[in-house]
């Protein structure tokens, strides 16, 4: 049981103006004033003067304060000629009694950095409770081809939407005066377009048109068999993810809260992010980091990234294999900001406990690390670890790490669930964690010059958070590495087409990771990344990877027209008219020779070699016919 009493402010006014009237206080009011003087303050609001009780400064003499002498006592001051207003302000006070112990006082701010001699005992481990079984969410007993896995991220409904919107965009461009022919794009042809796009990522040539180059030792036979050059280029010029008619409506909303900056990529973006989360559930260690997609216009700059200019994506990846679990495209300041900053909002939107579950370990770099973010994640049963910037470092300097300290020196302090650790390597490294203890006795090997100037191996003590951070922070970097090996990225003028090609990279890379997960589960050796993409390319194009062996060229050799066993009749029996002489000189010249392959009678004598001339002309005519046929197909 609790009982509480609430006291409120009391205001007493003395007005000794010309009327001489005096305000009097009752006994009850005097009791309230005098008995509570320790928690009250009396202010004299007269000209240039004030009075304060309870040890506060006062410019009013003690004699000016009210005294108790009768049941009705006037409130007077030492000077009665000046109108005076006294105000007794009573601070609100609540007292309570309870059988339960009083609430503990909040923990004091850490005041001293600890060394490794002090054991960190404040770390608490949370149970790992994922919402689904970590790993792929496919049928373990099923058989999946590369095309099947790729179709999980770009299914037939998404391809149908892409084809319809691309057809609308082409019709819109032709209406504007574009000078190219267009036939309606269907799903099968669009898959061939995707297959050639992946083929170009495997067989690198600087210019797209060079894949259709002819009459060169560098000519490639495969692309012309799948699609003509002009058809591929017109599809790439018009590929569109959103409805062009609705683009116009969205563009009219620029400058208003209803305007969607990502409208042109929204259909495929939503399809892909949903598929990434539904096909796979991450393991315990995850990471959030930025990814740059190269583009020349309307871009971001990141100095420390290999691709410094381009679009910035915030990516949540599984640290064990680089699978892209979720991502968001940064397009400037968000209208849904929570006030915690861009880094805070990004992490809280990607790391969703309702989807992931509890007990996850998140690794971030110093762009994201802040005490507020780590505490809020900790409340949601998500541990976090990351390097921190100096402005988030605890302000205490007592026993702090100094630049002159030897390598391997460790300092740490704990603030509730947060442990801040500083470690001296070649320079100072700071890290914050709600997962790990400060130090568990681990060491790392370093090679550096000793006092004599000679290189030597040294074993240095290393904080546990730094060891775990180096082990699990690279999830997004691993994903970027897999994408960059065989990226389908094209230089385009339209930003949304740049993102279209990157979406293909994400889909193909995640499909390959699922392939490895399935093979690992079935205890089979997975194919290489290149082999997977080669098979995917063949299946998208509708061809087989196995090419039939090329036939050996047939030998055009002269043989006898008539197979005579009688030697005396071989030169005169079975002769035929030479085809070449009949067409060129209009003479009927008989010859006993013919071509073994062509079955054509041709002269073969010292002064008339029709056999050689006829084959040269025939070869030239055949080549010209192939060129004309190719031109007709391109048109």
Foldseek 3Di string as FASTA:
>chain_A
DKDKDKDFFDFDFAFCAPVRDFDKDAPVRVCVCVVCQLQKFKFKPFPPFTGTTNPDDGPFDPQQADDDDDRIGTNGGPDSHTTITMTIGGDIDMDMDDPDDDDDDADDADFAWDFPVDFFPQADADDADWPDDFWFPDDLPDDAALQRLLCLQCPPVQLVLQQVQLVQQLVVVVVVPDPDDDDRDDSLLVLLLVLVLLVCLLVPDPDLCQQCDPPDPPHDDPPLVQAFSVVSVSSLVRGWRARPVVVVVLVVQPPHPSRDPCRRQVVSQVSNLVSLQNGGAADQFKEKDKDFQDADPLWAADDPDPRGTHWIKIFIFHLVFLATNHIDTDNDDDPPDPPPDDLLVSVPVVDDCVSTPARHEYEYEQVNDAPVSQVVCVVVRYKYKYWHDPVRDRPHPHNDDDFPDDFQTKIWDDDNLKIWIWGAHVHITIMIISHFIFFDFAWDWDWDADPVRDTDIDIHGDTPSVVVNVSRHCSNVSNVVLLVSRQSADHDPDSSSRVVSVSSSSSSSNSLVSQCSSCVVVVHDGDDSSVSSLSSSCVSSVHDPDDPDDDDDDDFDKDFQDDDPDPVCRFPPRWAFAPQCCPPVVDGDTGRIDTPPPRGDHDPDDVGGRSVVVVVVVVVVVVVVVVVVSVVSND
